[in-house]
Amino acid sequence: MGFGELAQLYNPTIGKGSASNTLRKWILINKNLHNELKQTGYKKYIKVLTPKQVQIIVNSLGEP
């Protein structure tokens, strides 16, 4: 799944770029989420998320 696609599911009322920036901020603020994602190879400006990364985000933030 694309990072921007997931970000827009969490932030449907704003544009893709702003939604992506917001989701990135949420990830950085949540240290446990950020650390868990880093263990899967997550980088700050990743464009495509693995199914595992998507599941980690959904488990941490809840369903979009």
Protein backbone atom coordinates (compact mmCIF):
# COMPACT_ATOMS: atom_id res chain seq x y z
CA MET A 1 0.00 0.00 0.00
CA GLY A 2 1.25 3.47 -0.76
CA PHE A 3 2.12 5.66 2.20
CA GLY A 4 0.03 8.52 0.82
CA GLU A 5 -2.91 6.19 0.24
CA LEU A 6 -2.89 5.07 3.88
CA ALA A 7 -2.36 8.63 5.06
CA GLN A 8 -5.45 9.77 3.16
CA LEU A 9 -7.51 7.03 4.80
CA TYR A 10 -6.56 8.55 8.17
CA ASN A 11 -6.98 12.14 6.95
CA PRO A 12 -9.63 12.11 4.21
CA THR A 13 -10.42 15.83 4.31
CA ILE A 14 -6.94 17.07 3.41
CA GLY A 15 -4.71 16.63 0.36
CA LYS A 16 -2.38 13.68 -0.12
CA GLY A 17 0.79 15.62 0.70
CA SER A 18 -0.63 17.13 3.88
CA ALA A 19 -2.10 13.78 4.90
CA SER A 20 1.30 12.14 4.43
CA ASN A 21 3.02 14.82 6.50
CA THR A 22 0.44 14.40 9.26
CA LEU A 23 0.84 10.61 9.36
CA ARG A 24 4.65 10.99 9.44
CA LYS A 25 4.33 13.35 12.43
CA TRP A 26 2.07 10.88 14.23
CA ILE A 27 4.62 8.13 13.62
CA LEU A 28 7.51 10.25 14.94
CA ILE A 29 5.56 11.33 18.03
CA ASN A 30 4.66 7.74 18.88
CA LYS A 31 8.11 6.37 19.80
CA ASN A 32 6.93 2.77 20.17
CA LEU A 33 5.31 2.87 16.72
CA HIS A 34 8.36 4.50 15.18
CA ASN A 35 10.75 1.97 16.71
CA GLU A 36 8.61 -0.98 15.64
CA LEU A 37 8.42 0.36 12.07
CA LYS A 38 12.19 0.96 11.95
CA GLN A 39 12.74 -2.72 12.72
CA THR A 40 10.92 -3.51 9.45
CA GLY A 41 13.12 -1.20 7.37
CA TYR A 42 10.86 1.87 7.55
CA LYS A 43 12.53 5.12 6.53
CA LYS A 44 11.17 8.65 6.90
CA TYR A 45 10.20 9.20 3.27
CA ILE A 46 9.22 5.68 2.26
CA LYS A 47 6.67 5.62 -0.58
CA VAL A 48 5.36 2.04 -0.32
CA LEU A 49 4.55 0.24 2.91
CA THR A 50 4.80 -3.50 3.33
CA PRO A 51 1.71 -5.34 4.63
CA LYS A 52 3.57 -5.77 7.95
CA GLN A 53 4.17 -2.01 8.22
CA VAL A 54 0.52 -1.27 7.46
CA GLN A 55 -0.56 -3.72 10.15
CA ILE A 56 1.80 -2.13 12.69
CA ILE A 57 0.38 1.32 11.96
CA VAL A 58 -3.24 0.11 12.12
CA ASN A 59 -2.58 -1.78 15.37
CA SER A 60 -1.08 1.35 16.90
CA LEU A 61 -3.43 4.03 15.54
CA GLY A 62 -6.59 2.01 15.08
CA GLU A 63 -8.58 1.50 11.90
CA PRO A 64 -8.63 4.55 9.64
